[in-house]
Amino acid sequence: MTTTSTMPPQIRPRATRTSRAAHFALIAAGLALTTPFTAAHAQSPPDAPRMNERTVTVSAAGSTSAIPDLAYISSGVMTEASTAREAMSLNNAVMAKVIDGLKALGITATDIQTTSINVNPRYTNPRDGKAPVVNGYQAHNTVRITVRNLTKLGDILDNAVTLGANQMGGISFDVSTAEQLKDEARKAAMTNARRRAELYANAAGANLGQVLTISEDVRMAGPRPVSMARMAASADSVPVETGSMKLETTIHVTWSLK
């Protein structure tokens, strides 16, 4: 008698829509991970220095001088009284006179800016070891004055002190056309940079190619401060010398060599 054994048929699991969706999601995730790397390389600037490319980088400065045509004065009024209200009221009256006097000399309201107002207690200074106590109050009001006609600067200082300004923070000078003047310094800096780069290239037996990168550092000798201690003590018109200001630009330039 012959017996036959029958193996059960192998059944392959049928792919479901869920498993197919998961498979495609993994593929999409892999592509997403590689895309930024590819895009970053594709977007490299065409003029950026490439590896093994010969370049020369030079730093050079250019400068120009100018006569200041603006002045900034920090001035204020300090008053004292037995109460805070009285000290502030007295301060307001004196500062109003100072501001009216400034306007009479041609200073517009937009060129007078209040920078600080405060009232502080005044304390005794006992020497017998006792704790200090309040014996009055001080009120301070400070303004920043922009002077556009420097021929009146001495008269403005005299007028402010005469009318009651007893706090002088200082005076500084500036140039209203500084940005335009810095363009001249930039041109001079670029001329100096190219001359120096050509010197290095020729010494190395090469010629300058195209400019690859340019960056700059701009320096300015800022509004120049002047001490006002001797100015406030002068009885006559205050002598003021504006002098000159230097504007300087430093650039960093990279050329290719050929």
Protein backbone atom coordinates (compact mmCIF):
# COMPACT_ATOMS: atom_id res chain seq x y z
CA MET A 1 0.00 0.00 0.00
CA THR A 2 1.38 3.26 -1.02
CA THR A 3 0.98 6.27 1.18
CA THR A 4 1.46 9.77 0.08
CA SER A 5 2.03 12.77 2.29
CA THR A 6 0.83 16.08 1.21
CA MET A 7 2.73 19.18 2.43
CA PRO A 8 0.53 22.06 3.32
CA PRO A 9 0.80 24.82 0.74
CA GLN A 10 3.03 27.80 1.68
CA ILE A 11 1.04 30.92 2.02
CA ARG A 12 2.82 34.24 1.51
CA PRO A 13 1.48 37.11 3.48
CA ARG A 14 -0.25 39.53 1.23
CA ALA A 15 1.05 43.05 1.39
CA THR A 16 -1.47 45.34 2.90
CA ARG A 17 -1.98 48.94 2.09
CA THR A 18 -0.64 49.83 5.54
CA SER A 19 2.70 48.01 5.04
CA ARG A 20 3.15 49.53 1.59
CA ALA A 21 2.54 52.99 2.98
CA ALA A 22 5.12 52.41 5.72
CA HIS A 23 7.66 51.21 3.13
CA PHE A 24 7.21 54.32 1.00
CA ALA A 25 7.43 56.53 4.10
CA LEU A 26 10.86 55.06 4.94
CA ILE A 27 12.08 55.73 1.40
CA ALA A 28 10.81 59.32 1.54
CA ALA A 29 12.50 59.85 4.90
CA GLY A 30 15.82 58.66 3.47
CA LEU A 31 15.51 61.05 0.56
CA ALA A 32 14.67 63.90 2.89
CA LEU A 33 17.82 63.26 4.92
CA THR A 34 20.05 63.40 1.84
CA THR A 35 18.37 66.42 0.24
CA PRO A 36 19.86 69.20 2.49
CA PHE A 37 23.36 67.88 1.96
CA THR A 38 22.89 67.90 -1.83
CA ALA A 39 21.25 71.33 -1.81
CA ALA A 40 23.99 72.84 0.35
CA HIS A 41 26.59 71.76 -2.17
CA ALA A 42 24.52 72.88 -5.13
CA GLN A 43 24.10 76.38 -3.65
CA SER A 44 27.80 77.13 -3.03
CA PRO A 45 28.68 80.59 -4.38
CA PRO A 46 30.43 80.27 -7.73
CA ASP A 47 33.01 82.92 -6.73
CA ALA A 48 33.88 81.37 -3.36
CA PRO A 49 37.50 80.20 -3.04
CA ARG A 50 37.75 76.53 -4.01
CA MET A 51 40.08 73.97 -2.51
CA ASN A 52 43.55 74.07 -4.06
CA GLU A 53 42.79 77.44 -5.68
CA ARG A 54 45.58 79.97 -5.27
CA THR A 55 44.44 83.19 -3.58
CA VAL A 56 45.88 86.24 -1.88
CA THR A 57 44.15 88.12 0.95
CA VAL A 58 45.13 91.67 1.84
CA SER A 59 44.00 94.10 4.55
CA ALA A 60 44.36 97.81 3.88
CA ALA A 61 43.13 101.09 5.34
CA GLY A 62 41.95 104.39 3.94
CA SER A 63 41.13 107.60 5.78
CA THR A 64 39.85 111.11 5.34
CA SER A 65 39.55 114.17 7.57
CA ALA A 66 36.68 116.57 8.05
CA ILE A 67 35.87 119.72 10.00
CA PRO A 68 33.03 119.11 12.51
CA ASP A 69 29.82 121.01 11.86
CA LEU A 70 27.77 119.70 14.81
CA ALA A 71 28.20 119.99 18.56
CA TYR A 72 26.41 118.16 21.36
CA ILE A 73 26.24 119.71 24.83
CA SER A 74 25.17 117.88 27.98
CA SER A 75 23.96 120.43 30.50
CA GLY A 76 21.60 120.48 33.43
CA VAL A 77 20.25 122.09 36.56
CA MET A 78 20.66 120.85 40.14
CA THR A 79 18.55 122.44 42.91
CA GLU A 80 18.24 121.72 46.64
CA ALA A 81 15.38 122.25 49.10
CA SER A 82 13.99 120.86 52.33
CA THR A 83 11.29 118.86 50.53
CA ALA A 84 11.27 116.89 47.29
CA ARG A 85 8.35 118.89 45.95
CA GLU A 86 10.09 122.19 46.62
CA ALA A 87 13.37 120.99 45.08
CA MET A 88 11.57 119.83 41.91
CA SER A 89 9.51 122.99 41.64
CA LEU A 90 12.59 125.17 41.92
CA ASN A 91 14.39 123.01 39.36
CA ASN A 92 11.52 123.30 36.88
CA ALA A 93 11.56 127.10 37.12
CA VAL A 94 15.32 127.35 36.50
CA MET A 95 15.32 124.81 33.64
CA ALA A 96 12.45 126.65 31.94
CA LYS A 97 14.60 129.81 31.89
CA VAL A 98 17.57 127.90 30.47
CA ILE A 99 15.47 126.36 27.68
CA ASP A 100 13.85 129.70 26.81
CA GLY A 101 17.31 131.26 26.58
CA LEU A 102 18.52 128.49 24.27
CA LYS A 103 15.54 128.96 21.97
CA ALA A 104 16.21 132.72 21.89
CA LEU A 105 19.68 131.93 20.49
CA GLY A 106 18.22 129.85 17.64
CA ILE A 107 18.16 126.36 19.16
CA THR A 108 14.96 124.65 18.04
CA ALA A 109 12.78 122.55 20.33
CA THR A 110 13.73 119.39 18.41
CA ASP A 111 17.40 120.00 19.25
CA ILE A 112 16.78 120.09 23.01
CA GLN A 113 16.23 116.64 24.49
CA THR A 114 15.73 115.78 28.15
CA THR A 115 17.99 112.87 29.07
CA SER A 116 17.34 112.49 32.80
CA ILE A 117 15.18 113.81 35.66
CA ASN A 118 15.54 112.58 39.22
CA VAL A 119 15.08 113.59 42.85
CA ASN A 120 17.34 112.18 45.56
CA PRO A 121 17.37 112.60 49.34
CA ARG A 122 20.30 114.49 50.85
CA TYR A 123 21.82 112.95 53.98
CA THR A 124 23.80 114.36 56.87
CA ASN A 125 27.35 113.12 57.45
CA PRO A 126 27.68 112.79 61.23
CA ARG A 127 31.13 112.13 62.68
CA ASP A 128 30.03 110.85 66.08
CA GLY A 129 28.98 107.42 64.82
CA LYS A 130 25.33 108.24 64.53
CA ALA A 131 23.33 107.07 61.51
CA PRO A 132 22.91 109.65 58.73
CA VAL A 133 19.50 111.24 58.42
CA VAL A 134 17.72 113.00 55.55
CA ASN A 135 18.16 116.77 55.77
CA GLY A 136 16.86 117.78 52.33
CA TYR A 137 16.45 116.80 48.68
CA GLN A 138 18.30 117.36 45.41
CA ALA A 139 16.55 117.57 42.04
CA HIS A 140 18.45 117.04 38.78
CA ASN A 141 17.32 117.76 35.22
CA THR A 142 19.73 117.16 32.32
CA VAL A 143 19.27 117.99 28.64
CA ARG A 144 21.22 117.23 25.48
CA ILE A 145 21.55 120.22 23.18
CA THR A 146 22.40 119.90 19.48
CA VAL A 147 24.16 122.98 18.11
CA ARG A 148 24.16 123.28 14.31
CA ASN A 149 25.69 126.76 14.08
CA LEU A 150 29.07 126.42 15.77
CA THR A 151 29.74 130.17 15.56
CA LYS A 152 27.16 130.55 18.36
CA LEU A 153 28.58 127.79 20.52
CA GLY A 154 30.41 130.08 22.95
CA ASP A 155 27.35 132.30 23.42
CA ILE A 156 25.13 129.28 23.99
CA LEU A 157 27.40 127.96 26.74
CA ASP A 158 27.61 131.38 28.40
CA ASN A 159 23.85 131.84 28.21
CA ALA A 160 23.11 128.44 29.75
CA VAL A 161 25.42 129.05 32.70
CA THR A 162 24.14 132.58 33.23
CA LEU A 163 20.51 131.44 33.33
CA GLY A 164 21.18 128.78 35.94
CA ALA A 165 22.68 125.66 34.33
CA ASN A 166 25.11 124.44 37.00
CA GLN A 167 25.73 120.92 35.70
CA MET A 168 28.01 120.56 32.67
CA GLY A 169 28.47 117.01 31.44
CA GLY A 170 30.64 117.83 28.44
CA ILE A 171 30.68 118.81 24.80
CA SER A 172 31.43 116.68 21.75
CA PHE A 173 31.75 117.32 18.02
CA ASP A 174 30.49 115.40 15.01
CA VAL A 175 30.28 115.57 11.21
CA SER A 176 26.82 115.57 9.61
CA THR A 177 28.11 114.15 6.28
CA ALA A 178 30.19 111.38 7.87
CA GLU A 179 28.66 108.57 5.77
CA GLN A 180 29.42 110.31 2.47
CA LEU A 181 32.95 111.07 3.62
CA LYS A 182 33.50 107.43 4.59
CA ASP A 183 32.96 106.53 0.91
CA GLU A 184 36.15 108.43 0.10
CA ALA A 185 37.97 106.44 2.77
CA ARG A 186 36.62 103.21 1.25
CA LYS A 187 37.92 104.12 -2.21
CA ALA A 188 41.34 104.92 -0.78
CA ALA A 189 41.37 101.63 1.13
CA MET A 190 40.53 99.62 -2.02
CA THR A 191 43.29 101.38 -3.97
CA ASN A 192 45.79 100.53 -1.22
CA ALA A 193 44.59 96.93 -1.07
CA ARG A 194 44.95 96.35 -4.82
CA ARG A 195 48.41 97.91 -4.90
CA ARG A 196 49.57 95.64 -2.09
CA ALA A 197 47.94 92.54 -3.61
CA GLU A 198 49.62 93.18 -6.97
CA LEU A 199 52.97 93.51 -5.20
CA TYR A 200 52.54 90.11 -3.52
CA ALA A 201 51.26 88.46 -6.70
CA ASN A 202 54.15 89.72 -8.80
CA ALA A 203 56.65 88.64 -6.16
CA ALA A 204 55.11 85.15 -6.32
CA GLY A 205 55.24 85.06 -10.11
CA ALA A 206 51.48 85.32 -10.57
CA ASN A 207 48.85 87.82 -11.67
CA LEU A 208 45.72 88.99 -9.89
CA GLY A 209 42.47 87.40 -10.94
CA GLN A 210 38.96 88.38 -9.92
CA VAL A 211 37.93 89.63 -6.49
CA LEU A 212 36.40 86.80 -4.46
CA THR A 213 35.46 88.44 -1.15
CA ILE A 214 35.41 91.94 0.41
CA SER A 215 34.68 92.87 4.02
CA GLU A 216 35.25 96.09 5.94
CA ASP A 217 35.76 97.52 9.41
CA VAL A 218 34.69 101.15 9.74
CA ARG A 219 36.19 103.26 12.49
CA MET A 220 35.41 106.85 13.30
CA ALA A 221 36.97 109.02 15.95
CA GLY A 222 33.39 109.46 17.27
CA PRO A 223 31.99 112.67 18.62
CA ARG A 224 35.12 114.24 20.11
CA PRO A 225 34.60 115.15 23.79
CA VAL A 226 35.97 118.38 25.27
CA SER A 227 36.20 119.22 28.97
CA MET A 228 33.84 121.97 30.08
CA ALA A 229 35.45 122.73 33.45
CA ARG A 230 37.35 125.78 32.26
CA MET A 231 34.50 126.82 29.97
CA ALA A 232 32.01 127.20 32.82
CA ALA A 233 34.53 129.22 34.84
CA SER A 234 35.12 131.75 32.07
CA ALA A 235 33.41 135.12 32.46
CA ASP A 236 33.81 136.10 28.82
CA SER A 237 32.55 134.33 25.72
CA VAL A 238 33.74 130.75 25.92
CA PRO A 239 36.53 130.04 23.39
CA VAL A 240 35.79 126.78 21.57
CA GLU A 241 38.03 125.09 18.97
CA THR A 242 36.36 122.40 16.88
CA GLY A 243 39.56 120.97 15.35
CA SER A 244 39.18 118.17 12.80
CA MET A 245 38.01 114.57 12.83
CA LYS A 246 39.51 111.52 11.14
CA LEU A 247 37.33 108.85 9.53
CA GLU A 248 39.08 105.56 8.76
CA THR A 249 38.01 102.34 7.01
CA THR A 250 39.84 99.01 6.98
CA ILE A 251 38.95 96.43 4.33
CA HIS A 252 39.88 92.78 3.79
CA VAL A 253 39.96 91.63 0.15
CA THR A 254 40.66 88.22 -1.36
CA TRP A 255 41.73 87.82 -5.01
CA SER A 256 42.27 84.68 -7.02
CA LEU A 257 45.71 84.25 -8.57
CA LYS A 258 46.32 83.19 -12.14
